Amino acid sequence: MAFDRCRQIGVYPSALVASGGVASNFTIRKRLEETAALHGVPLECPPSELCTDNGAMIAWAGWERFRLGLVDPTTIDIISDWPLETLKALGLD
């Protein structure tokens, strides 16, 4: 869908890039390779051993902030199901 949207707006990607936990998943990486080939571009990914899940990094950063006494208030609203259509109203589409 992203390739189709790019073409609609006159953008022609020269590669498909993936990293992080997504790129370390064999099944997802295979599908990305197929999609890239279908659109005539290479798939560019770091080696799997360098593709780690950001969850561990975020958890560590949170622990370090907590350890230093940097605690954020818990008064923010949680949006558990945020439809992408609402981004248009915010001008983020």
PDB file of N, CA and C in Angstrom:
ATOM      1  N   MET A   1       0.819  -1.188   0.000  1.00  0.00           N
ATOM      2  CA  MET A   1       0.000   0.000   0.000  1.00  0.00           C
ATOM      3  C   MET A   1       0.870   1.261   0.000  1.00  0.00           C
ATOM      4  N   ALA A   2       1.990   1.195   0.699  1.00  0.00           N
ATOM      5  CA  ALA A   2       2.864   2.364   0.755  1.00  0.00           C
ATOM      6  C   ALA A   2       3.449   2.687  -0.619  1.00  0.00           C
ATOM      7  N   PHE A   3       3.812   1.653  -1.354  1.00  0.00           N
ATOM      8  CA  PHE A   3       4.342   1.895  -2.699  1.00  0.00           C
ATOM      9  C   PHE A   3       3.267   2.529  -3.585  1.00  0.00           C
ATOM     10  N   ASP A   4       2.033   2.038  -3.476  1.00  0.00           N
ATOM     11  CA  ASP A   4       0.941   2.618  -4.270  1.00  0.00           C
ATOM     12  C   ASP A   4       0.722   4.075  -3.896  1.00  0.00           C
ATOM     13  N   ARG A   5       0.726   4.377  -2.601  1.00  0.00           N
ATOM     14  CA  ARG A   5       0.523   5.764  -2.148  1.00  0.00           C
ATOM     15  C   ARG A   5       1.665   6.652  -2.637  1.00  0.00           C
ATOM     16  N   CYS A   6       2.874   6.144  -2.581  1.00  0.00           N
ATOM     17  CA  CYS A   6       4.013   6.932  -3.070  1.00  0.00           C
ATOM     18  C   CYS A   6       3.834   7.281  -4.543  1.00  0.00           C
ATOM     19  N   ARG A   7       3.452   6.286  -5.346  1.00  0.00           N
ATOM     20  CA  ARG A   7       3.250   6.545  -6.775  1.00  0.00           C
ATOM     21  C   ARG A   7       2.155   7.583  -7.003  1.00  0.00           C
ATOM     22  N   GLN A   8       1.095   7.528  -6.195  1.00  0.00           N
ATOM     23  CA  GLN A   8       0.000   8.490  -6.332  1.00  0.00           C
ATOM     24  C   GLN A   8       0.471   9.924  -6.138  1.00  0.00           C
ATOM     25  N   ILE A   9       1.462  10.115  -5.300  1.00  0.00           N
ATOM     26  CA  ILE A   9       1.938  11.479  -5.030  1.00  0.00           C
ATOM     27  C   ILE A   9       3.234  11.799  -5.777  1.00  0.00           C
ATOM     28  N   GLY A  10       3.619  10.906  -6.703  1.00  0.00           N
ATOM     29  CA  GLY A  10       4.786  11.174  -7.540  1.00  0.00           C
ATOM     30  C   GLY A  10       6.122  10.869  -6.901  1.00  0.00           C
ATOM     31  N   VAL A  11       6.132   9.990  -5.916  1.00  0.00           N
ATOM     32  CA  VAL A  11       7.377   9.590  -5.255  1.00  0.00           C
ATOM     33  C   VAL A  11       7.673   8.155  -5.656  1.00  0.00           C
ATOM     34  N   TYR A  12       8.903   7.900  -6.073  1.00  0.00           N
ATOM     35  CA  TYR A  12       9.287   6.571  -6.539  1.00  0.00           C
ATOM     36  C   TYR A  12      10.480   6.084  -5.722  1.00  0.00           C
ATOM     37  N   PRO A  13      10.218   5.327  -4.648  1.00  0.00           N
ATOM     38  CA  PRO A  13      11.299   4.854  -3.769  1.00  0.00           C
ATOM     39  C   PRO A  13      12.321   4.019  -4.528  1.00  0.00           C
ATOM     40  N   SER A  14      13.570   4.135  -4.108  1.00  0.00           N
ATOM     41  CA  SER A  14      14.636   3.352  -4.731  1.00  0.00           C
ATOM     42  C   SER A  14      15.001   2.129  -3.893  1.00  0.00           C
ATOM     43  N   ALA A  15      14.411   2.003  -2.708  1.00  0.00           N
ATOM     44  CA  ALA A  15      14.676   0.842  -1.840  1.00  0.00           C
ATOM     45  C   ALA A  15      13.588   0.764  -0.778  1.00  0.00           C
ATOM     46  N   LEU A  16      13.453  -0.409  -0.195  1.00  0.00           N
ATOM     47  CA  LEU A  16      12.596  -0.624   0.961  1.00  0.00           C
ATOM     48  C   LEU A  16      13.535  -0.918   2.116  1.00  0.00           C
ATOM     49  N   VAL A  17      13.398  -0.181   3.211  1.00  0.00           N
ATOM     50  CA  VAL A  17      14.306  -0.312   4.347  1.00  0.00           C
ATOM     51  C   VAL A  17      13.519  -0.774   5.574  1.00  0.00           C
ATOM     52  N   ALA A  18      14.062  -1.743   6.299  1.00  0.00           N
ATOM     53  CA  ALA A  18      13.453  -2.218   7.540  1.00  0.00           C
ATOM     54  C   ALA A  18      14.548  -2.460   8.561  1.00  0.00           C
ATOM     55  N   SER A  19      14.227  -2.203   9.826  1.00  0.00           N
ATOM     56  CA  SER A  19      15.196  -2.460  10.888  1.00  0.00           C
ATOM     57  C   SER A  19      14.442  -2.806  12.164  1.00  0.00           C
ATOM     58  N   GLY A  20      15.153  -2.997  13.228  1.00  0.00           N
ATOM     59  CA  GLY A  20      14.532  -3.311  14.504  1.00  0.00           C
ATOM     60  C   GLY A  20      13.972  -4.718  14.531  1.00  0.00           C
ATOM     61  N   GLY A  21      13.046  -4.933  15.463  1.00  0.00           N
ATOM     62  CA  GLY A  21      12.444  -6.247  15.634  1.00  0.00           C
ATOM     63  C   GLY A  21      11.766  -6.752  14.386  1.00  0.00           C
ATOM     64  N   VAL A  22      11.190  -5.844  13.601  1.00  0.00           N
ATOM     65  CA  VAL A  22      10.514  -6.242  12.360  1.00  0.00           C
ATOM     66  C   VAL A  22      11.482  -6.927  11.414  1.00  0.00           C
ATOM     67  N   ALA A  23      12.657  -6.353  11.254  1.00  0.00           N
ATOM     68  CA  ALA A  23      13.629  -6.908  10.309  1.00  0.00           C
ATOM     69  C   ALA A  23      14.288  -8.182  10.820  1.00  0.00           C
ATOM     70  N   SER A  24      14.178  -8.461  12.111  1.00  0.00           N
ATOM     71  CA  SER A  24      14.770  -9.697  12.620  1.00  0.00           C
ATOM     72  C   SER A  24      13.803 -10.870  12.529  1.00  0.00           C
ATOM     73  N   ASN A  25      12.552 -10.599  12.220  1.00  0.00           N
ATOM     74  CA  ASN A  25      11.554 -11.660  12.079  1.00  0.00           C
ATOM     75  C   ASN A  25      11.679 -12.254  10.680  1.00  0.00           C
ATOM     76  N   PHE A  26      12.000 -13.549  10.604  1.00  0.00           N
ATOM     77  CA  PHE A  26      12.264 -14.194   9.320  1.00  0.00           C
ATOM     78  C   PHE A  26      11.065 -14.107   8.382  1.00  0.00           C
ATOM     79  N   THR A  27       9.867 -14.385   8.899  1.00  0.00           N
ATOM     80  CA  THR A  27       8.669 -14.390   8.054  1.00  0.00           C
ATOM     81  C   THR A  27       8.371 -12.997   7.508  1.00  0.00           C
ATOM     82  N   ILE A  28       8.471 -11.995   8.365  1.00  0.00           N
ATOM     83  CA  ILE A  28       8.215 -10.628   7.912  1.00  0.00           C
ATOM     84  C   ILE A  28       9.282 -10.194   6.922  1.00  0.00           C
ATOM     85  N   ARG A  29      10.530 -10.525   7.199  1.00  0.00           N
ATOM     86  CA  ARG A  29      11.612 -10.139   6.285  1.00  0.00           C
ATOM     87  C   ARG A  29      11.401 -10.774   4.906  1.00  0.00           C
ATOM     88  N   LYS A  30      10.961 -12.039   4.889  1.00  0.00           N
ATOM     89  CA  LYS A  30      10.696 -12.720   3.617  1.00  0.00           C
ATOM     90  C   LYS A  30       9.592 -11.995   2.843  1.00  0.00           C
ATOM     91  N   ARG A  31       8.526 -11.604   3.515  1.00  0.00           N
ATOM     92  CA  ARG A  31       7.434 -10.871   2.855  1.00  0.00           C
ATOM     93  C   ARG A  31       7.919  -9.518   2.337  1.00  0.00           C
ATOM     94  N   LEU A  32       8.767  -8.859   3.118  1.00  0.00           N
ATOM     95  CA  LEU A  32       9.318  -7.578   2.672  1.00  0.00           C
ATOM     96  C   LEU A  32      10.197  -7.767   1.440  1.00  0.00           C
ATOM     97  N   GLU A  33      10.975  -8.852   1.411  1.00  0.00           N
ATOM     98  CA  GLU A  33      11.802  -9.158   0.231  1.00  0.00           C
ATOM     99  C   GLU A  33      10.917  -9.346  -0.997  1.00  0.00           C
ATOM    100  N   GLU A  34       9.813 -10.084  -0.824  1.00  0.00           N
ATOM    101  CA  GLU A  34       8.884 -10.316  -1.936  1.00  0.00           C
ATOM    102  C   GLU A  34       8.257  -9.013  -2.409  1.00  0.00           C
ATOM    103  N   THR A  35       7.861  -8.179  -1.473  1.00  0.00           N
ATOM    104  CA  THR A  35       7.249  -6.887  -1.815  1.00  0.00           C
ATOM    105  C   THR A  35       8.244  -5.992  -2.530  1.00  0.00           C
ATOM    106  N   ALA A  36       9.472  -5.932  -2.022  1.00  0.00           N
ATOM    107  CA  ALA A  36      10.500  -5.111  -2.661  1.00  0.00           C
ATOM    108  C   ALA A  36      10.751  -5.594  -4.087  1.00  0.00           C
ATOM    109  N   ALA A  37      10.866  -6.909  -4.265  1.00  0.00           N
ATOM    110  CA  ALA A  37      11.098  -7.470  -5.602  1.00  0.00           C
ATOM    111  C   ALA A  37       9.935  -7.158  -6.538  1.00  0.00           C
ATOM    112  N   LEU A  38       8.723  -7.252  -6.021  1.00  0.00           N
ATOM    113  CA  LEU A  38       7.538  -6.954  -6.823  1.00  0.00           C
ATOM    114  C   LEU A  38       7.565  -5.523  -7.351  1.00  0.00           C
ATOM    115  N   HIS A  39       8.152  -4.624  -6.571  1.00  0.00           N
ATOM    116  CA  HIS A  39       8.212  -3.217  -6.966  1.00  0.00           C
ATOM    117  C   HIS A  39       9.560  -2.821  -7.555  1.00  0.00           C
ATOM    118  N   GLY A  40      10.421  -3.816  -7.776  1.00  0.00           N
ATOM    119  CA  GLY A  40      11.686  -3.571  -8.460  1.00  0.00           C
ATOM    120  C   GLY A  40      12.711  -2.790  -7.665  1.00  0.00           C
ATOM    121  N   VAL A  41      12.679  -2.916  -6.340  1.00  0.00           N
ATOM    122  CA  VAL A  41      13.662  -2.222  -5.505  1.00  0.00           C
ATOM    123  C   VAL A  41      14.298  -3.235  -4.560  1.00  0.00           C
ATOM    124  N   PRO A  42      15.488  -2.956  -4.066  1.00  0.00           N
ATOM    125  CA  PRO A  42      16.109  -3.866  -3.108  1.00  0.00           C
ATOM    126  C   PRO A  42      15.536  -3.667  -1.702  1.00  0.00           C
ATOM    127  N   LEU A  43      15.608  -4.707  -0.884  1.00  0.00           N
ATOM    128  CA  LEU A  43      15.295  -4.590   0.538  1.00  0.00           C
ATOM    129  C   LEU A  43      16.616  -4.376   1.264  1.00  0.00           C
ATOM    130  N   GLU A  44      16.693  -3.322   2.043  1.00  0.00           N
ATOM    131  CA  GLU A  44      17.910  -3.008   2.797  1.00  0.00           C
ATOM    132  C   GLU A  44      17.619  -3.201   4.279  1.00  0.00           C
ATOM    133  N   CYS A  45      18.350  -4.117   4.918  1.00  0.00           N
ATOM    134  CA  CYS A  45      18.204  -4.398   6.350  1.00  0.00           C
ATOM    135  C   CYS A  45      19.578  -4.585   6.970  1.00  0.00           C
ATOM    136  N   PRO A  46      19.744  -4.154   8.209  1.00  0.00           N
ATOM    137  CA  PRO A  46      20.977  -4.506   8.915  1.00  0.00           C
ATOM    138  C   PRO A  46      21.005  -6.017   9.138  1.00  0.00           C
ATOM    139  N   PRO A  47      22.150  -6.582   9.468  1.00  0.00           N
ATOM    140  CA  PRO A  47      22.193  -8.005   9.796  1.00  0.00           C
ATOM    141  C   PRO A  47      21.229  -8.308  10.950  1.00  0.00           C
ATOM    142  N   SER A  48      20.622  -9.488  10.938  1.00  0.00           N
ATOM    143  CA  SER A  48      19.635  -9.863  11.958  1.00  0.00           C
ATOM    144  C   SER A  48      20.140  -9.666  13.378  1.00  0.00           C
ATOM    145  N   GLU A  49      21.407  -9.965  13.616  1.00  0.00           N
ATOM    146  CA  GLU A  49      21.933  -9.838  14.981  1.00  0.00           C
ATOM    147  C   GLU A  49      21.963  -8.386  15.471  1.00  0.00           C
ATOM    148  N   LEU A  50      21.866  -7.440  14.541  1.00  0.00           N
ATOM    149  CA  LEU A  50      21.817  -6.027  14.924  1.00  0.00           C
ATOM    150  C   LEU A  50      20.390  -5.483  14.967  1.00  0.00           C
ATOM    151  N   CYS A  51      19.431  -6.312  14.624  1.00  0.00           N
ATOM    152  CA  CYS A  51      18.030  -5.896  14.619  1.00  0.00           C
ATOM    153  C   CYS A  51      17.371  -6.355  15.915  1.00  0.00           C
ATOM    154  N   THR A  52      17.349  -5.480  16.877  1.00  0.00           N
ATOM    155  CA  THR A  52      16.783  -5.841  18.170  1.00  0.00           C
ATOM    156  C   THR A  52      15.447  -5.148  18.372  1.00  0.00           C
ATOM    157  N   ASP A  53      14.698  -5.633  19.322  1.00  0.00           N
ATOM    158  CA  ASP A  53      13.397  -5.078  19.629  1.00  0.00           C
ATOM    159  C   ASP A  53      13.576  -3.812  20.468  1.00  0.00           C
ATOM    160  N   ASN A  54      12.905  -2.746  20.097  1.00  0.00           N
ATOM    161  CA  ASN A  54      13.022  -1.487  20.825  1.00  0.00           C
ATOM    162  C   ASN A  54      12.425  -1.563  22.225  1.00  0.00           C
ATOM    163  N   GLY A  55      11.572  -2.569  22.482  1.00  0.00           N
ATOM    164  CA  GLY A  55      10.947  -2.695  23.798  1.00  0.00           C
ATOM    165  C   GLY A  55      11.970  -2.780  24.916  1.00  0.00           C
ATOM    166  N   ALA A  56      13.032  -3.562  24.720  1.00  0.00           N
ATOM    167  CA  ALA A  56      14.065  -3.694  25.745  1.00  0.00           C
ATOM    168  C   ALA A  56      14.775  -2.358  25.961  1.00  0.00           C
ATOM    169  N   MET A  57      15.039  -1.636  24.891  1.00  0.00           N
ATOM    170  CA  MET A  57      15.707  -0.344  24.999  1.00  0.00           C
ATOM    171  C   MET A  57      14.817   0.658  25.743  1.00  0.00           C
ATOM    172  N   ILE A  58      13.526   0.662  25.426  1.00  0.00           N
ATOM    173  CA  ILE A  58      12.593   1.581  26.082  1.00  0.00           C
ATOM    174  C   ILE A  58      12.470   1.236  27.568  1.00  0.00           C
ATOM    175  N   ALA A  59      12.393  -0.058  27.886  1.00  0.00           N
ATOM    176  CA  ALA A  59      12.303  -0.478  29.283  1.00  0.00           C
ATOM    177  C   ALA A  59      13.547  -0.044  30.062  1.00  0.00           C
ATOM    178  N   TRP A  60      14.716  -0.202  29.450  1.00  0.00           N
ATOM    179  CA  TRP A  60      15.960   0.198  30.130  1.00  0.00           C
ATOM    180  C   TRP A  60      15.985   1.707  30.364  1.00  0.00           C
ATOM    181  N   ALA A  61      15.588   2.465  29.364  1.00  0.00           N
ATOM    182  CA  ALA A  61      15.552   3.928  29.523  1.00  0.00           C
ATOM    183  C   ALA A  61      14.578   4.310  30.642  1.00  0.00           C
ATOM    184  N   GLY A  62      13.429   3.625  30.712  1.00  0.00           N
ATOM    185  CA  GLY A  62      12.473   3.887  31.778  1.00  0.00           C
ATOM    186  C   GLY A  62      13.047   3.578  33.148  1.00  0.00           C
ATOM    187  N   TRP A  63      13.770   2.449  33.242  1.00  0.00           N
ATOM    188  CA  TRP A  63      14.392   2.081  34.518  1.00  0.00           C
ATOM    189  C   TRP A  63      15.415   3.128  34.944  1.00  0.00           C
ATOM    190  N   GLU A  64      16.223   3.580  34.008  1.00  0.00           N
ATOM    191  CA  GLU A  64      17.235   4.594  34.336  1.00  0.00           C
ATOM    192  C   GLU A  64      16.578   5.899  34.795  1.00  0.00           C
ATOM    193  N   ARG A  65      15.504   6.303  34.137  1.00  0.00           N
ATOM    194  CA  ARG A  65      14.780   7.518  34.558  1.00  0.00           C
ATOM    195  C   ARG A  65      14.207   7.323  35.965  1.00  0.00           C
ATOM    196  N   PHE A  66      13.608   6.160  36.221  1.00  0.00           N
ATOM    197  CA  PHE A  66      13.040   5.875  37.539  1.00  0.00           C
ATOM    198  C   PHE A  66      14.128   5.895  38.611  1.00  0.00           C
ATOM    199  N   ARG A  67      15.261   5.268  38.292  1.00  0.00           N
ATOM    200  CA  ARG A  67      16.384   5.205  39.236  1.00  0.00           C
ATOM    201  C   ARG A  67      16.875   6.597  39.615  1.00  0.00           C
ATOM    202  N   LEU A  68      16.802   7.544  38.672  1.00  0.00           N
ATOM    203  CA  LEU A  68      17.244   8.918  38.914  1.00  0.00           C
ATOM    204  C   LEU A  68      16.141   9.799  39.492  1.00  0.00           C
ATOM    205  N   GLY A  69      14.986   9.188  39.761  1.00  0.00           N
ATOM    206  CA  GLY A  69      13.879   9.957  40.332  1.00  0.00           C
ATOM    207  C   GLY A  69      13.094  10.757  39.311  1.00  0.00           C
ATOM    208  N   LEU A  70      13.304  10.481  38.029  1.00  0.00           N
ATOM    209  CA  LEU A  70      12.587  11.189  36.967  1.00  0.00           C
ATOM    210  C   LEU A  70      11.294  10.423  36.655  1.00  0.00           C
ATOM    211  N   VAL A  71      10.244  10.745  37.385  1.00  0.00           N
ATOM    212  CA  VAL A  71       8.979  10.038  37.254  1.00  0.00           C
ATOM    213  C   VAL A  71       7.954  10.981  36.640  1.00  0.00           C
ATOM    214  N   ASP A  72       7.334  10.545  35.572  1.00  0.00           N
ATOM    215  CA  ASP A  72       6.315  11.352  34.897  1.00  0.00           C
ATOM    216  C   ASP A  72       4.955  11.118  35.543  1.00  0.00           C
ATOM    217  N   PRO A  73       4.078  12.128  35.483  1.00  0.00           N
ATOM    218  CA  PRO A  73       2.741  11.930  36.054  1.00  0.00           C
ATOM    219  C   PRO A  73       1.952  10.903  35.242  1.00  0.00           C
ATOM    220  N   THR A  74       1.018  10.272  35.885  1.00  0.00           N
ATOM    221  CA  THR A  74       0.195   9.268  35.207  1.00  0.00           C
ATOM    222  C   THR A  74      -1.177   9.836  34.880  1.00  0.00           C
ATOM    223  N   THR A  75      -1.208  11.101  34.519  1.00  0.00           N
ATOM    224  CA  THR A  75      -2.485  11.761  34.246  1.00  0.00           C
ATOM    225  C   THR A  75      -2.799  11.861  32.761  1.00  0.00           C
ATOM    226  N   ILE A  76      -1.993  11.239  31.920  1.00  0.00           N
ATOM    227  CA  ILE A  76      -2.244  11.306  30.488  1.00  0.00           C
ATOM    228  C   ILE A  76      -3.371  10.349  30.111  1.00  0.00           C
ATOM    229  N   ASP A  77      -4.088  10.680  29.057  1.00  0.00           N
ATOM    230  CA  ASP A  77      -5.139   9.798  28.569  1.00  0.00           C
ATOM    231  C   ASP A  77      -4.523   8.697  27.717  1.00  0.00           C
ATOM    232  N   ILE A  78      -5.066   7.512  27.836  1.00  0.00           N
ATOM    233  CA  ILE A  78      -4.620   6.371  27.044  1.00  0.00           C
ATOM    234  C   ILE A  78      -5.625   6.145  25.931  1.00  0.00           C
ATOM    235  N   ILE A  79      -5.134   6.003  24.726  1.00  0.00           N
ATOM    236  CA  ILE A  79      -5.993   5.706  23.573  1.00  0.00           C
ATOM    237  C   ILE A  79      -5.628   4.293  23.125  1.00  0.00           C
ATOM    238  N   SER A  80      -6.426   3.317  23.534  1.00  0.00           N
ATOM    239  CA  SER A  80      -6.077   1.928  23.240  1.00  0.00           C
ATOM    240  C   SER A  80      -6.371   1.538  21.796  1.00  0.00           C
ATOM    241  N   ASP A  81      -7.280   2.226  21.158  1.00  0.00           N
ATOM    242  CA  ASP A  81      -7.630   1.916  19.769  1.00  0.00           C
ATOM    243  C   ASP A  81      -7.770   3.251  19.038  1.00  0.00           C
ATOM    244  N   TRP A  82      -6.694   3.679  18.388  1.00  0.00           N
ATOM    245  CA  TRP A  82      -6.637   5.002  17.780  1.00  0.00           C
ATOM    246  C   TRP A  82      -6.754   4.860  16.273  1.00  0.00           C
ATOM    247  N   PRO A  83      -7.953   5.118  15.712  1.00  0.00           N
ATOM    248  CA  PRO A  83      -8.128   4.977  14.262  1.00  0.00           C
ATOM    249  C   PRO A  83      -7.225   5.939  13.493  1.00  0.00           C
ATOM    250  N   LEU A  84      -6.599   5.453  12.447  1.00  0.00           N
ATOM    251  CA  LEU A  84      -5.708   6.287  11.649  1.00  0.00           C
ATOM    252  C   LEU A  84      -6.444   7.453  11.004  1.00  0.00           C
ATOM    253  N   GLU A  85      -7.753   7.298  10.782  1.00  0.00           N
ATOM    254  CA  GLU A  85      -8.512   8.372  10.164  1.00  0.00           C
ATOM    255  C   GLU A  85      -8.473   9.665  10.982  1.00  0.00           C
ATOM    256  N   THR A  86      -8.283   9.550  12.289  1.00  0.00           N
ATOM    257  CA  THR A  86      -8.245  10.751  13.132  1.00  0.00           C
ATOM    258  C   THR A  86      -6.987  11.579  12.873  1.00  0.00           C
ATOM    259  N   LEU A  87      -5.982  10.989  12.259  1.00  0.00           N
ATOM    260  CA  LEU A  87      -4.773  11.741  11.947  1.00  0.00           C
ATOM    261  C   LEU A  87      -5.053  12.841  10.943  1.00  0.00           C
ATOM    262  N   LYS A  88      -6.013  12.605  10.042  1.00  0.00           N
ATOM    263  CA  LYS A  88      -6.356  13.628   9.055  1.00  0.00           C
ATOM    264  C   LYS A  88      -6.848  14.881   9.729  1.00  0.00           C
ATOM    265  N   ALA A  89      -7.657  14.727  10.778  1.00  0.00           N
ATOM    266  CA  ALA A  89      -8.179  15.887  11.497  1.00  0.00           C
ATOM    267  C   ALA A  89      -7.058  16.685  12.150  1.00  0.00           C
ATOM    268  N   LEU A  90      -5.968  16.010  12.484  1.00  0.00           N
ATOM    269  CA  LEU A  90      -4.818  16.658  13.089  1.00  0.00           C
ATOM    270  C   LEU A  90      -3.825  17.167  12.044  1.00  0.00           C
ATOM    271  N   GLY A  91      -4.096  16.891  10.764  1.00  0.00           N
ATOM    272  CA  GLY A  91      -3.184  17.280   9.702  1.00  0.00           C
ATOM    273  C   GLY A  91      -1.946  16.415   9.628  1.00  0.00           C
ATOM    274  N   LEU A  92      -2.035  15.171  10.111  1.00  0.00           N
ATOM    275  CA  LEU A  92      -0.872  14.271  10.149  1.00  0.00           C
ATOM    276  C   LEU A  92      -0.978  13.137   9.146  1.00  0.00           C
ATOM    277  N   ASP A  93      -1.835  13.255   8.148  1.00  0.00           N
ATOM    278  CA  ASP A  93      -1.989  12.153   7.203  1.00  0.00           C
ATOM    279  C   ASP A  93      -0.922  12.156   6.143  1.00  0.00           C
TER     280      ASP A  93
END
